[in-house]
Structure formats: structure tokens, C-alpha cells
């Protein structure tokens, strides 16, 4: 059995300024417009799936351990930002 991994599609009614910005950003990052659009569509779909899930409570959140070596990270950031 053979499956097609990608398909050619025409997208109409794109704002020309947005398309030009997308084309420039894709070129600067070494990607094709198709690659960037695929990333954007995947991101949109994931976001929509997460929005449609049941909204939970803060009580349901499970705390995560802070990464090793970062105990004083907020103090380090303050010293850099505010010169403390």
C-alpha cells in the first residue's frame, strides 16, 4: 500500500502583506513556506484541541519539581535585570 505524505494545495484569499512576511520569515529560517504553514496549522490545531477540553481547577494542578541548579534563578535574573 502506498500513502502520499504531502499533497499540493492552493490557498486563496491570503492577505498579500501577510504572505510576503511569511515568505521572508521562512526564507530567513531556511524553511519553505509549506514547512512554516504546516507548523502554524499544527499549532492552531493543538491550541483548538486544548481549548475545547474541560476547563479544570487550579486545585487539580500537580506541582512539578524545579530543575536542578536553579534554586536561586529568580535572584540571578533580578541581579541581571536590575543590577542588584
Protein backbone atom coordinates (compact mmCIF):
# COMPACT_ATOMS: atom_id res chain seq x y z
CA UNK A 1 0.00 0.00 0.00
CA UNK A 2 1.32 3.49 -0.82
CA UNK A 3 0.46 6.62 1.10
CA UNK A 4 1.12 10.16 -0.02
CA UNK A 5 2.95 12.07 2.70
CA UNK A 6 2.34 15.53 1.28
CA UNK A 7 -0.23 16.99 -1.07
CA UNK A 8 -0.21 20.10 -3.23
CA UNK A 9 -2.86 22.62 -2.29
CA UNK A 10 -3.84 26.07 -3.47
CA UNK A 11 -4.80 28.54 -0.78
CA UNK A 12 -6.83 31.51 -1.93
CA UNK A 13 -7.59 34.91 -0.43
CA UNK A 14 -4.39 35.27 1.58
CA UNK A 15 -3.55 38.81 2.58
CA UNK A 16 -0.60 39.77 0.36
CA UNK A 17 1.29 41.56 3.14
CA UNK A 18 0.94 38.58 5.46
CA UNK A 19 2.09 36.25 2.70
CA UNK A 20 5.14 38.42 1.99
CA UNK A 21 6.06 38.47 5.68
CA UNK A 22 5.59 34.70 5.89
CA UNK A 23 7.74 34.16 2.80
CA UNK A 24 10.50 36.37 4.22
CA UNK A 25 10.43 34.70 7.65
CA UNK A 26 10.51 31.25 6.05
CA UNK A 27 13.50 32.21 3.89
CA UNK A 28 15.39 33.69 6.86
CA UNK A 29 14.87 30.49 8.85
CA UNK A 30 15.86 28.27 5.92
CA UNK A 31 12.41 26.73 5.61
CA UNK A 32 9.88 26.55 2.83
CA UNK A 33 6.54 28.30 3.03
CA UNK A 34 4.95 24.85 3.19
CA UNK A 35 7.06 23.95 6.23
CA UNK A 36 6.07 27.16 8.04
CA UNK A 37 2.39 26.74 7.16
CA UNK A 38 2.43 23.14 8.37
CA UNK A 39 3.91 24.29 11.70
CA UNK A 40 1.31 27.05 12.02
CA UNK A 41 -1.58 24.72 11.22
CA UNK A 42 -0.33 22.08 13.68
CA UNK A 43 -0.02 24.74 16.37
CA UNK A 44 -3.53 26.01 15.65
CA UNK A 45 -4.99 22.51 15.79
CA UNK A 46 -3.30 21.70 19.10
CA UNK A 47 -4.43 25.01 20.58
CA UNK A 48 -8.01 24.38 19.49
CA UNK A 49 -7.93 20.88 20.98
CA UNK A 50 -6.66 22.24 24.30
CA UNK A 51 -9.30 24.99 24.37
CA UNK A 52 -12.11 22.52 23.79
CA UNK A 53 -11.02 20.30 26.69
CA UNK A 54 -12.75 20.67 30.03
CA UNK A 55 -11.52 23.69 31.94
CA UNK A 56 -10.06 22.45 35.22
CA UNK A 57 -9.42 23.97 38.56
CA UNK A 58 -6.13 25.19 39.99
CA UNK A 59 -6.61 22.58 42.68
CA UNK A 60 -6.18 19.87 40.03
CA UNK A 61 -2.70 21.05 39.02
CA UNK A 62 0.15 18.80 40.06
CA UNK A 63 3.32 20.65 41.11
CA UNK A 64 6.45 19.89 39.10
CA UNK A 65 9.95 19.74 40.55
CA UNK A 66 12.15 22.72 39.78
CA UNK A 67 15.11 21.78 37.52
CA UNK A 68 18.43 21.12 39.29
CA UNK A 69 20.80 24.06 39.66
CA UNK A 70 18.11 26.74 39.51
CA UNK A 71 17.31 27.32 43.18
CA UNK A 72 18.36 30.96 43.04
CA UNK A 73 17.34 31.62 39.45
CA UNK A 74 14.93 34.46 40.26
CA UNK A 75 17.67 36.19 42.26
CA UNK A 76 20.11 35.80 39.37
CA UNK A 77 17.56 37.24 36.96
CA UNK A 78 16.92 40.20 39.29
CA UNK A 79 20.64 40.90 39.53
CA UNK A 80 20.98 40.91 35.75
CA UNK A 81 17.85 42.95 35.06
CA UNK A 82 18.01 45.38 37.97
CA UNK A 83 21.74 45.33 38.72
CA UNK A 84 21.18 44.18 42.29
